[in-house]
């Protein structure tokens, strides 16, 4: 038997040990700043407190989380820089997704400014901050801005999904095929009850799934139903199965939505449902879900030895 044949026949042991987790959706803010914060509101007793990397490290301790992508929760331009400055001080943050408005006259200048920092990995566009992607897509200058984003090798997160947003994301994928799109919080979307409307949403989701540059976060999974939040995965399994069946193991990734998720449960409870759902899948699928797909979507930056990296 030749050397090559011997190598092919070699039976290597399966990789074991805990799978490192990159959380693709956390928010950072500090209400103690002199200028305050635009969100959350002061009346929010649970969320109106500093959400900074040291607190994130505390709530995730012992859970296998080795890194996180910060998603902007402020419409203030300079909060892009504030987050980047905070992220620079703690290597658990592997990337940030900021807030810029494609189509605005200063979009190119601001994109160049923040993209000089390698941690700046994209922007959010969706149903938030009194903006609607479906309306923005009617303006050629907005589409031109998205093309700039794609040329910079950055991603676009959507926000607050509804059927209209899902349909619009299909338009985005068609207009700017080189742009990596990340659909946030799809499990939390309220699907229509009308059969025809539901059929259309299903068709649009399948269209998105067919696009190679579209990814989906399994985030905003927990729900409060009649004053009670369920933490058993079977309560959510049908919806998660549907999403997994449409998008598959190469498109889905874990996001906690911390600390926006705090009113619904602890970080351990949020992660526990996600972990329980993928526990029956192959190790390869779990690795994709917990870190490999997010690396493809965001090109996040490995900043410490605990964070995984694909090697040749």
Protein backbone atom coordinates (compact mmCIF):
# COMPACT_ATOMS: atom_id res chain seq x y z
CA UNK A 1 0.00 0.00 0.00
CA UNK A 2 1.37 3.41 -0.94
CA UNK A 3 1.80 6.31 1.49
CA UNK A 4 -1.19 8.21 0.10
CA UNK A 5 -3.48 5.22 0.43
CA UNK A 6 -2.30 4.67 3.97
CA UNK A 7 -3.11 8.27 4.92
CA UNK A 8 -6.62 8.01 3.49
CA UNK A 9 -7.27 4.86 5.48
CA UNK A 10 -6.02 6.40 8.76
CA UNK A 11 -8.84 6.45 11.33
CA UNK A 12 -8.48 9.70 13.28
CA UNK A 13 -10.35 10.22 16.56
CA UNK A 14 -13.26 12.64 16.46
CA UNK A 15 -12.61 16.08 17.93
CA UNK A 16 -13.89 16.37 21.47
CA UNK A 17 -14.18 19.07 24.10
CA UNK A 18 -16.44 22.09 24.45
CA UNK A 19 -17.31 24.09 21.36
CA UNK A 20 -16.32 27.75 21.69
CA UNK A 21 -19.19 30.20 21.32
CA UNK A 22 -19.16 33.51 19.48
CA UNK A 23 -22.30 35.43 20.43
CA UNK A 24 -23.34 37.41 17.34
CA UNK A 25 -25.74 39.83 18.99
CA UNK A 26 -25.06 41.89 22.10
CA UNK A 27 -25.53 45.58 22.85
CA UNK A 28 -23.22 47.93 24.73
CA UNK A 29 -24.30 51.18 26.40
CA UNK A 30 -23.77 53.15 29.59
CA UNK A 31 -26.57 55.34 31.03
CA UNK A 32 -24.01 57.01 33.33
CA UNK A 33 -22.50 58.98 30.45
CA UNK A 34 -23.02 62.75 30.61
CA UNK A 35 -25.06 62.60 27.38
CA UNK A 36 -27.02 59.57 28.60
CA UNK A 37 -28.30 56.99 26.11
CA UNK A 38 -31.16 57.01 23.58
CA UNK A 39 -32.06 53.47 24.66
CA UNK A 40 -33.11 51.95 27.01
CA UNK A 41 -35.49 54.35 28.68
CA UNK A 42 -34.96 55.43 32.28
CA UNK A 43 -38.23 53.77 33.22
CA UNK A 44 -36.87 50.36 32.20
CA UNK A 45 -35.87 48.98 35.59
CA UNK A 46 -34.21 45.87 34.19
CA UNK A 47 -32.25 47.18 31.22
CA UNK A 48 -31.42 50.72 32.33
CA UNK A 49 -27.99 49.93 33.77
CA UNK A 50 -24.49 49.80 32.30
CA UNK A 51 -24.09 47.07 29.68
CA UNK A 52 -20.33 46.86 29.25
CA UNK A 53 -17.85 44.06 28.48
CA UNK A 54 -16.96 43.42 32.12
CA UNK A 55 -20.61 42.75 32.97
CA UNK A 56 -20.96 40.58 29.87
CA UNK A 57 -17.99 38.54 31.02
CA UNK A 58 -19.69 38.07 34.38
CA UNK A 59 -23.03 36.84 32.99
CA UNK A 60 -21.32 34.45 30.56
CA UNK A 61 -18.71 33.06 32.95
CA UNK A 62 -18.46 29.28 32.72
CA UNK A 63 -20.81 29.04 29.73
CA UNK A 64 -18.22 28.66 26.99
CA UNK A 65 -18.67 32.09 25.41
CA UNK A 66 -15.31 33.31 24.12
CA UNK A 67 -16.29 36.31 22.01
CA UNK A 68 -19.12 38.57 20.94
CA UNK A 69 -20.19 40.84 18.09
CA UNK A 70 -21.68 44.11 19.31
CA UNK A 71 -24.75 45.40 17.45
CA UNK A 72 -25.42 49.13 17.67
CA UNK A 73 -28.50 50.16 19.64
CA UNK A 74 -28.11 53.92 19.21
CA UNK A 75 -28.91 56.19 16.25
CA UNK A 76 -26.28 58.73 17.38
CA UNK A 77 -23.39 58.88 14.92
CA UNK A 78 -20.66 59.30 17.53
CA UNK A 79 -21.83 56.23 19.40
CA UNK A 80 -20.13 54.24 16.64
CA UNK A 81 -16.84 55.61 17.95
CA UNK A 82 -17.87 55.18 21.58
CA UNK A 83 -18.48 51.46 21.02
CA UNK A 84 -15.22 51.04 19.11
CA UNK A 85 -13.36 52.70 21.98
CA UNK A 86 -15.03 50.40 24.51
CA UNK A 87 -14.34 47.36 22.34
CA UNK A 88 -10.66 48.25 22.04
CA UNK A 89 -10.27 47.83 25.79
CA UNK A 90 -11.65 44.28 26.01
CA UNK A 91 -10.74 41.47 23.64
CA UNK A 92 -13.98 39.57 24.19
CA UNK A 93 -15.46 41.91 21.55
CA UNK A 94 -14.49 40.52 18.14
CA UNK A 95 -16.46 42.99 16.01
CA UNK A 96 -19.05 45.75 15.99
CA UNK A 97 -21.98 46.45 13.67
CA UNK A 98 -22.62 50.17 13.65
CA UNK A 99 -25.23 52.69 12.60
CA UNK A 100 -24.78 54.64 9.39
CA UNK A 101 -27.39 55.69 6.83
CA UNK A 102 -26.65 54.63 3.23
CA UNK A 103 -27.76 57.32 0.83
CA UNK A 104 -26.84 60.23 3.07
CA UNK A 105 -24.28 62.66 1.62
CA UNK A 106 -21.76 61.86 4.36
CA UNK A 107 -22.15 58.08 4.17
CA UNK A 108 -18.92 57.39 2.27
CA UNK A 109 -16.90 59.66 4.56
CA UNK A 110 -18.30 58.11 7.73
CA UNK A 111 -17.94 54.58 6.39
CA UNK A 112 -14.27 55.21 5.59
CA UNK A 113 -13.76 56.79 8.99
CA UNK A 114 -15.11 53.92 11.07
CA UNK A 115 -13.92 51.15 8.77
CA UNK A 116 -10.33 52.19 9.45
CA UNK A 117 -10.86 50.28 12.68
CA UNK A 118 -10.78 46.54 11.81
CA UNK A 119 -13.40 45.82 14.48
CA UNK A 120 -16.02 47.73 12.47
CA UNK A 121 -17.71 44.90 10.59
CA UNK A 122 -20.93 46.36 9.17
CA UNK A 123 -24.07 48.43 9.74
CA UNK A 124 -27.75 47.92 10.61
CA UNK A 125 -30.60 48.77 8.24
CA UNK A 126 -34.16 47.81 9.00
CA UNK A 127 -37.26 48.75 10.94
CA UNK A 128 -35.70 50.90 13.64
CA UNK A 129 -34.93 54.53 14.48
CA UNK A 130 -37.97 55.63 12.45
CA UNK A 131 -36.44 54.13 9.31
CA UNK A 132 -37.91 51.48 7.04
CA UNK A 133 -35.79 49.48 4.66
CA UNK A 134 -38.72 48.96 2.29
CA UNK A 135 -38.94 52.73 1.75
CA UNK A 136 -35.19 53.33 1.71
CA UNK A 137 -34.77 50.81 -1.10
CA UNK A 138 -36.76 53.08 -3.41
CA UNK A 139 -33.87 55.58 -3.50
CA UNK A 140 -30.95 54.95 -5.89
CA UNK A 141 -28.51 56.69 -3.55
CA UNK A 142 -29.40 54.24 -0.79
CA UNK A 143 -28.64 51.27 -3.05
CA UNK A 144 -25.39 52.97 -4.06
CA UNK A 145 -24.49 53.16 -0.37
CA UNK A 146 -25.15 49.44 0.08
CA UNK A 147 -22.85 48.77 -2.87
CA UNK A 148 -20.15 50.79 -1.10
CA UNK A 149 -20.69 48.61 1.95
CA UNK A 150 -20.27 45.46 -0.14
CA UNK A 151 -17.13 46.84 -1.79
CA UNK A 152 -15.68 47.43 1.69
CA UNK A 153 -16.31 43.73 2.49
CA UNK A 154 -18.71 44.64 5.30
CA UNK A 155 -22.06 43.12 6.27
CA UNK A 156 -25.57 44.55 6.66
CA UNK A 157 -27.72 43.45 9.59
CA UNK A 158 -31.46 43.82 9.32
CA UNK A 159 -33.57 44.71 12.34
CA UNK A 160 -37.00 43.89 13.75
CA UNK A 161 -38.24 41.48 11.07
CA UNK A 162 -41.76 41.46 9.69
CA UNK A 163 -43.11 40.08 6.39
CA UNK A 164 -42.47 43.36 4.56
CA UNK A 165 -38.85 43.43 5.72
CA UNK A 166 -38.28 39.84 4.63
CA UNK A 167 -39.64 40.65 1.16
CA UNK A 168 -37.42 43.73 1.03
CA UNK A 169 -34.33 41.72 1.92
CA UNK A 170 -34.93 39.63 -1.18
CA UNK A 171 -34.80 42.89 -3.16
CA UNK A 172 -31.57 43.88 -1.41
CA UNK A 173 -29.99 40.52 -2.22
CA UNK A 174 -30.98 40.97 -5.87
CA UNK A 175 -29.84 44.59 -6.15
CA UNK A 176 -26.54 44.09 -4.28
CA UNK A 177 -25.65 40.40 -4.65
CA UNK A 178 -22.15 40.88 -3.27
CA UNK A 179 -23.42 42.20 0.06
CA UNK A 180 -23.47 39.83 3.03
CA UNK A 181 -26.89 40.09 4.71
CA UNK A 182 -27.67 39.02 8.27
CA UNK A 183 -31.31 38.56 9.25
CA UNK A 184 -31.60 39.34 12.96
CA UNK A 185 -34.16 37.84 15.34
CA UNK A 186 -36.05 35.72 12.83
CA UNK A 187 -37.42 33.33 15.52
CA UNK A 188 -39.04 36.33 17.20
CA UNK A 189 -40.96 37.47 14.12
CA UNK A 190 -44.75 37.32 14.26
CA UNK A 191 -45.71 35.23 11.25
CA UNK A 192 -49.04 36.08 9.56
CA UNK A 193 -52.06 33.89 10.23
CA UNK A 194 -53.63 34.50 6.82
CA UNK A 195 -52.77 31.46 4.64
CA UNK A 196 -51.89 33.50 1.55
CA UNK A 197 -49.70 35.92 3.49
CA UNK A 198 -47.99 33.02 5.25
CA UNK A 199 -47.36 31.34 1.92
CA UNK A 200 -45.71 34.51 0.62
CA UNK A 201 -43.44 34.82 3.68
CA UNK A 202 -42.42 31.20 3.28
CA UNK A 203 -41.59 31.81 -0.38
CA UNK A 204 -39.55 34.92 0.48
CA UNK A 205 -37.60 33.06 3.16
CA UNK A 206 -36.79 30.30 0.69
CA UNK A 207 -35.64 32.93 -1.80
CA UNK A 208 -33.31 34.37 0.85
CA UNK A 209 -32.02 30.92 1.73
CA UNK A 210 -31.04 30.38 -1.90
CA UNK A 211 -28.77 33.45 -1.82
CA UNK A 212 -25.19 32.49 -0.83
CA UNK A 213 -24.52 35.70 1.13
CA UNK A 214 -27.53 35.57 3.47
CA UNK A 215 -27.21 34.47 7.11
CA UNK A 216 -29.77 34.22 9.90
CA UNK A 217 -29.42 34.69 13.64
CA UNK A 218 -31.17 32.32 15.99
CA UNK A 219 -31.84 35.16 18.41
CA UNK A 220 -34.91 36.57 20.17
CA UNK A 221 -36.12 33.00 20.67
CA UNK A 222 -37.69 33.32 24.14
CA UNK A 223 -41.27 34.55 24.37
CA UNK A 224 -43.54 35.77 27.11
CA UNK A 225 -46.91 34.10 26.60
CA UNK A 226 -49.71 35.05 28.98
CA UNK A 227 -47.24 36.39 31.50
CA UNK A 228 -44.99 33.33 31.48
CA UNK A 229 -41.69 32.63 29.74
CA UNK A 230 -40.95 29.03 28.81
CA UNK A 231 -37.40 27.66 28.92
CA UNK A 232 -38.05 24.16 27.61
CA UNK A 233 -36.79 23.85 24.05
CA UNK A 234 -39.78 21.81 22.89
CA UNK A 235 -41.96 24.88 23.25
CA UNK A 236 -39.87 26.55 20.50
CA UNK A 237 -38.87 23.51 18.48
CA UNK A 238 -41.45 23.75 15.68
CA UNK A 239 -40.45 27.30 14.76
CA UNK A 240 -36.73 26.51 15.04
CA UNK A 241 -37.15 23.37 12.95
CA UNK A 242 -38.87 25.43 10.27
CA UNK A 243 -36.04 27.97 10.17
CA UNK A 244 -33.36 25.27 10.23
CA UNK A 245 -35.16 23.40 7.46
CA UNK A 246 -35.23 26.47 5.22
CA UNK A 247 -31.74 27.87 5.84
CA UNK A 248 -29.73 24.81 6.89
CA UNK A 249 -26.61 24.39 8.95
CA UNK A 250 -24.46 26.72 6.82
CA UNK A 251 -26.56 29.86 7.33
CA UNK A 252 -27.61 29.91 11.00
CA UNK A 253 -25.74 31.36 13.97
CA UNK A 254 -26.29 31.99 17.66
CA UNK A 255 -27.15 35.41 19.10
CA UNK A 256 -28.27 36.20 22.65
CA UNK A 257 -29.61 39.76 22.22
CA UNK A 258 -28.07 40.57 25.62
CA UNK A 259 -29.04 42.64 27.59
CA UNK A 260 -32.25 43.26 25.66
CA UNK A 261 -33.07 39.65 26.55
CA UNK A 262 -32.84 40.22 30.32
CA UNK A 263 -36.59 40.74 30.92
CA UNK A 264 -37.20 37.26 29.50
CA UNK A 265 -34.50 35.35 31.36
CA UNK A 266 -30.89 35.07 32.39
CA UNK A 267 -28.10 34.68 29.89
CA UNK A 268 -27.77 31.03 30.89
CA UNK A 269 -31.45 30.45 30.14
CA UNK A 270 -31.19 32.13 26.71
CA UNK A 271 -28.13 30.10 25.77
CA UNK A 272 -29.64 26.99 27.34
CA UNK A 273 -32.54 26.91 24.89
CA UNK A 274 -30.23 27.40 21.90
CA UNK A 275 -27.83 24.77 23.18
CA UNK A 276 -30.60 22.28 23.84
CA UNK A 277 -31.92 22.74 20.32
CA UNK A 278 -28.62 22.03 18.55
CA UNK A 279 -27.47 19.36 21.01
CA UNK A 280 -28.94 16.58 18.88
CA UNK A 281 -27.15 17.74 15.74
CA UNK A 282 -23.66 16.75 14.63
CA UNK A 283 -20.60 18.37 16.13
CA UNK A 284 -19.85 19.89 12.73
CA UNK A 285 -23.30 21.52 12.67
CA UNK A 286 -22.86 22.84 16.21
CA UNK A 287 -19.48 24.34 15.36
CA UNK A 288 -21.01 26.13 12.38
CA UNK A 289 -23.87 27.39 14.53
CA UNK A 290 -21.73 28.61 17.42
CA UNK A 291 -18.81 30.19 15.55
CA UNK A 292 -17.92 29.14 12.00
CA UNK A 293 -20.91 30.71 10.25
CA UNK A 294 -20.44 33.98 12.10
CA UNK A 295 -16.85 34.12 10.89
CA UNK A 296 -18.10 33.80 7.31
CA UNK A 297 -20.81 36.41 7.86
CA UNK A 298 -18.80 39.06 9.70
CA UNK A 299 -15.09 38.29 9.14
CA UNK A 300 -14.71 39.05 12.84
CA UNK A 301 -11.30 39.57 14.39
CA UNK A 302 -9.65 36.89 16.54
CA UNK A 303 -8.28 38.76 19.57
CA UNK A 304 -7.26 36.12 22.09
CA UNK A 305 -6.17 32.49 22.22
CA UNK A 306 -9.57 31.21 23.35
CA UNK A 307 -11.25 32.44 20.19
CA UNK A 308 -11.18 29.89 17.36
CA UNK A 309 -9.83 30.40 13.88
CA UNK A 310 -9.97 28.41 10.69
CA UNK A 311 -6.53 27.16 9.74
CA UNK A 312 -5.37 25.82 6.40
